[in-house]
């Protein structure tokens, strides 16, 4: 299985890429995940849940997936920091805490 270079590249970079999204969007949307340990921790826990679930399914479980997924979360967090530094207004407007009661077409209650 691992003698096919294309398969290894897709497996490694695929696991990283999926969790880059989680590592980027989690701190972008929720203030409590603005700390690196929280974002990387949630990436690790989501990955651990997926890998643990695969034990009970006809799928393979691999520690490498856990490592690559967590690395993807870290890379996503670093990208978040770059976006936050470059576009601070965008970053602040995306937070769920700042978007409460901002449903399109509805006015806030007095």
C-alpha atoms as a PDB file:
ATOM      1  CA  UNK A   1       0.000   0.000   0.000  1.00  0.00           C
ATOM      2  CA  UNK A   2       2.747   2.491   0.909  1.00  0.00           C
ATOM      3  CA  UNK A   3       4.853   1.790  -2.176  1.00  0.00           C
ATOM      4  CA  UNK A   4       2.502   3.984  -4.196  1.00  0.00           C
ATOM      5  CA  UNK A   5       3.860   7.523  -3.772  1.00  0.00           C
ATOM      6  CA  UNK A   6       0.633   9.158  -4.975  1.00  0.00           C
ATOM      7  CA  UNK A   7      -1.365   7.333  -2.308  1.00  0.00           C
ATOM      8  CA  UNK A   8       0.993   8.465   0.454  1.00  0.00           C
ATOM      9  CA  UNK A   9       0.919  12.075  -0.740  1.00  0.00           C
ATOM     10  CA  UNK A  10      -2.877  12.096  -0.864  1.00  0.00           C
ATOM     11  CA  UNK A  11      -3.139  10.366   2.519  1.00  0.00           C
ATOM     12  CA  UNK A  12      -0.725  12.719   4.295  1.00  0.00           C
ATOM     13  CA  UNK A  13      -1.729  15.998   2.668  1.00  0.00           C
ATOM     14  CA  UNK A  14      -5.413  15.076   2.674  1.00  0.00           C
ATOM     15  CA  UNK A  15      -5.416  14.576   6.441  1.00  0.00           C
ATOM     16  CA  UNK A  16      -3.570  17.844   6.947  1.00  0.00           C
ATOM     17  CA  UNK A  17      -5.772  19.823   4.535  1.00  0.00           C
ATOM     18  CA  UNK A  18      -9.054  18.722   6.107  1.00  0.00           C
ATOM     19  CA  UNK A  19      -7.954  19.875   9.540  1.00  0.00           C
ATOM     20  CA  UNK A  20      -6.437  23.136   8.271  1.00  0.00           C
ATOM     21  CA  UNK A  21     -10.045  24.198   7.766  1.00  0.00           C
ATOM     22  CA  UNK A  22     -10.923  23.307  11.367  1.00  0.00           C
ATOM     23  CA  UNK A  23      -7.821  25.053  12.702  1.00  0.00           C
ATOM     24  CA  UNK A  24      -8.668  28.191  10.734  1.00  0.00           C
ATOM     25  CA  UNK A  25     -12.430  28.424  11.251  1.00  0.00           C
ATOM     26  CA  UNK A  26     -12.589  27.467  14.935  1.00  0.00           C
ATOM     27  CA  UNK A  27     -10.736  30.550  16.273  1.00  0.00           C
ATOM     28  CA  UNK A  28     -12.284  32.714  13.548  1.00  0.00           C
ATOM     29  CA  UNK A  29     -15.795  31.896  14.737  1.00  0.00           C
ATOM     30  CA  UNK A  30     -15.427  31.422  18.507  1.00  0.00           C
ATOM     31  CA  UNK A  31     -13.498  33.653  20.873  1.00  0.00           C
ATOM     32  CA  UNK A  32     -12.628  30.858  23.320  1.00  0.00           C
ATOM     33  CA  UNK A  33     -10.544  29.140  20.615  1.00  0.00           C
ATOM     34  CA  UNK A  34      -8.296  32.148  19.986  1.00  0.00           C
ATOM     35  CA  UNK A  35      -5.616  30.482  22.102  1.00  0.00           C
ATOM     36  CA  UNK A  36      -3.435  28.014  20.254  1.00  0.00           C
ATOM     37  CA  UNK A  37      -3.780  25.284  22.877  1.00  0.00           C
ATOM     38  CA  UNK A  38      -7.588  25.386  22.579  1.00  0.00           C
ATOM     39  CA  UNK A  39      -7.621  25.199  18.787  1.00  0.00           C
ATOM     40  CA  UNK A  40      -4.951  22.509  18.524  1.00  0.00           C
ATOM     41  CA  UNK A  41      -6.617  20.661  21.401  1.00  0.00           C
ATOM     42  CA  UNK A  42     -10.028  20.614  19.693  1.00  0.00           C
ATOM     43  CA  UNK A  43      -8.355  19.448  16.456  1.00  0.00           C
ATOM     44  CA  UNK A  44      -6.707  16.628  18.398  1.00  0.00           C
ATOM     45  CA  UNK A  45      -9.963  15.648  20.137  1.00  0.00           C
ATOM     46  CA  UNK A  46     -11.971  15.625  16.899  1.00  0.00           C
ATOM     47  CA  UNK A  47      -9.293  13.499  15.257  1.00  0.00           C
ATOM     48  CA  UNK A  48      -9.148  11.169  18.258  1.00  0.00           C
ATOM     49  CA  UNK A  49     -12.927  10.754  18.092  1.00  0.00           C
ATOM     50  CA  UNK A  50     -12.751   9.892  14.390  1.00  0.00           C
ATOM     51  CA  UNK A  51      -9.910   7.413  14.868  1.00  0.00           C
ATOM     52  CA  UNK A  52     -11.608   5.807  17.879  1.00  0.00           C
ATOM     53  CA  UNK A  53     -14.870   5.469  15.959  1.00  0.00           C
ATOM     54  CA  UNK A  54     -13.014   3.719  13.137  1.00  0.00           C
ATOM     55  CA  UNK A  55     -12.058   0.929  15.531  1.00  0.00           C
ATOM     56  CA  UNK A  56     -15.693  -0.187  15.496  1.00  0.00           C
ATOM     57  CA  UNK A  57     -16.104   0.226  11.738  1.00  0.00           C
ATOM     58  CA  UNK A  58     -14.525  -1.742   8.928  1.00  0.00           C
ATOM     59  CA  UNK A  59     -11.850   0.935   8.552  1.00  0.00           C
ATOM     60  CA  UNK A  60      -8.222   1.197   9.531  1.00  0.00           C
ATOM     61  CA  UNK A  61      -7.125   3.273  12.513  1.00  0.00           C
ATOM     62  CA  UNK A  62      -3.718   4.907  12.346  1.00  0.00           C
ATOM     63  CA  UNK A  63      -1.737   7.053  14.765  1.00  0.00           C
ATOM     64  CA  UNK A  64      -0.243   8.852  11.765  1.00  0.00           C
ATOM     65  CA  UNK A  65      -3.713  10.176  10.941  1.00  0.00           C
ATOM     66  CA  UNK A  66      -4.020  11.582  14.448  1.00  0.00           C
ATOM     67  CA  UNK A  67      -0.654  13.320  14.108  1.00  0.00           C
ATOM     68  CA  UNK A  68      -1.356  14.676  10.611  1.00  0.00           C
ATOM     69  CA  UNK A  69      -4.832  15.910  11.578  1.00  0.00           C
ATOM     70  CA  UNK A  70      -3.474  17.715  14.633  1.00  0.00           C
ATOM     71  CA  UNK A  71      -0.692  19.228  12.514  1.00  0.00           C
ATOM     72  CA  UNK A  72      -3.353  20.419  10.074  1.00  0.00           C
ATOM     73  CA  UNK A  73      -5.183  22.117  12.950  1.00  0.00           C
ATOM     74  CA  UNK A  74      -1.964  23.867  13.960  1.00  0.00           C
ATOM     75  CA  UNK A  75      -1.307  25.046  10.391  1.00  0.00           C
ATOM     76  CA  UNK A  76      -4.886  26.331  10.177  1.00  0.00           C
ATOM     77  CA  UNK A  77      -4.405  28.227  13.424  1.00  0.00           C
ATOM     78  CA  UNK A  78      -1.236  29.844  12.067  1.00  0.00           C
ATOM     79  CA  UNK A  79      -3.154  30.893   8.943  1.00  0.00           C
ATOM     80  CA  UNK A  80      -5.831  32.355  11.217  1.00  0.00           C
ATOM     81  CA  UNK A  81      -3.180  34.427  13.008  1.00  0.00           C
ATOM     82  CA  UNK A  82      -1.920  35.749   9.667  1.00  0.00           C
ATOM     83  CA  UNK A  83      -5.437  36.720   8.568  1.00  0.00           C
ATOM     84  CA  UNK A  84      -6.169  38.281  11.966  1.00  0.00           C
ATOM     85  CA  UNK A  85      -3.015  40.380  11.750  1.00  0.00           C
ATOM     86  CA  UNK A  86      -3.685  41.475   8.173  1.00  0.00           C
ATOM     87  CA  UNK A  87      -7.486  41.950   8.428  1.00  0.00           C
ATOM     88  CA  UNK A  88      -8.381  42.540  12.101  1.00  0.00           C
ATOM     89  CA  UNK A  89     -11.852  43.938  11.320  1.00  0.00           C
ATOM     90  CA  UNK A  90     -12.804  40.815   9.377  1.00  0.00           C
ATOM     91  CA  UNK A  91     -11.612  38.581  12.179  1.00  0.00           C
ATOM     92  CA  UNK A  92     -13.598  40.473  14.819  1.00  0.00           C
ATOM     93  CA  UNK A  93     -16.806  40.544  12.762  1.00  0.00           C
ATOM     94  CA  UNK A  94     -16.812  36.765  12.298  1.00  0.00           C
ATOM     95  CA  UNK A  95     -16.922  35.883  16.003  1.00  0.00           C
ATOM     96  CA  UNK A  96     -20.169  34.278  17.117  1.00  0.00           C
ATOM     97  CA  UNK A  97     -20.107  36.452  20.244  1.00  0.00           C
ATOM     98  CA  UNK A  98     -20.158  39.577  18.066  1.00  0.00           C
ATOM     99  CA  UNK A  99     -22.905  38.255  15.770  1.00  0.00           C
ATOM    100  CA  UNK A 100     -25.602  37.604  18.400  1.00  0.00           C
ATOM    101  CA  UNK A 101     -29.014  38.922  17.369  1.00  0.00           C
ATOM    102  CA  UNK A 102     -27.735  39.798  13.899  1.00  0.00           C
ATOM    103  CA  UNK A 103     -30.158  37.742  11.843  1.00  0.00           C
ATOM    104  CA  UNK A 104     -30.722  39.144   8.370  1.00  0.00           C
ATOM    105  CA  UNK A 105     -34.020  40.961   8.128  1.00  0.00           C
ATOM    106  CA  UNK A 106     -34.683  41.040  11.883  1.00  0.00           C
ATOM    107  CA  UNK A 107     -34.312  44.040  14.117  1.00  0.00           C
ATOM    108  CA  UNK A 108     -32.881  43.792  17.601  1.00  0.00           C
ATOM    109  CA  UNK A 109     -35.382  43.869  20.441  1.00  0.00           C
ATOM    110  CA  UNK A 110     -35.283  47.051  22.565  1.00  0.00           C
END
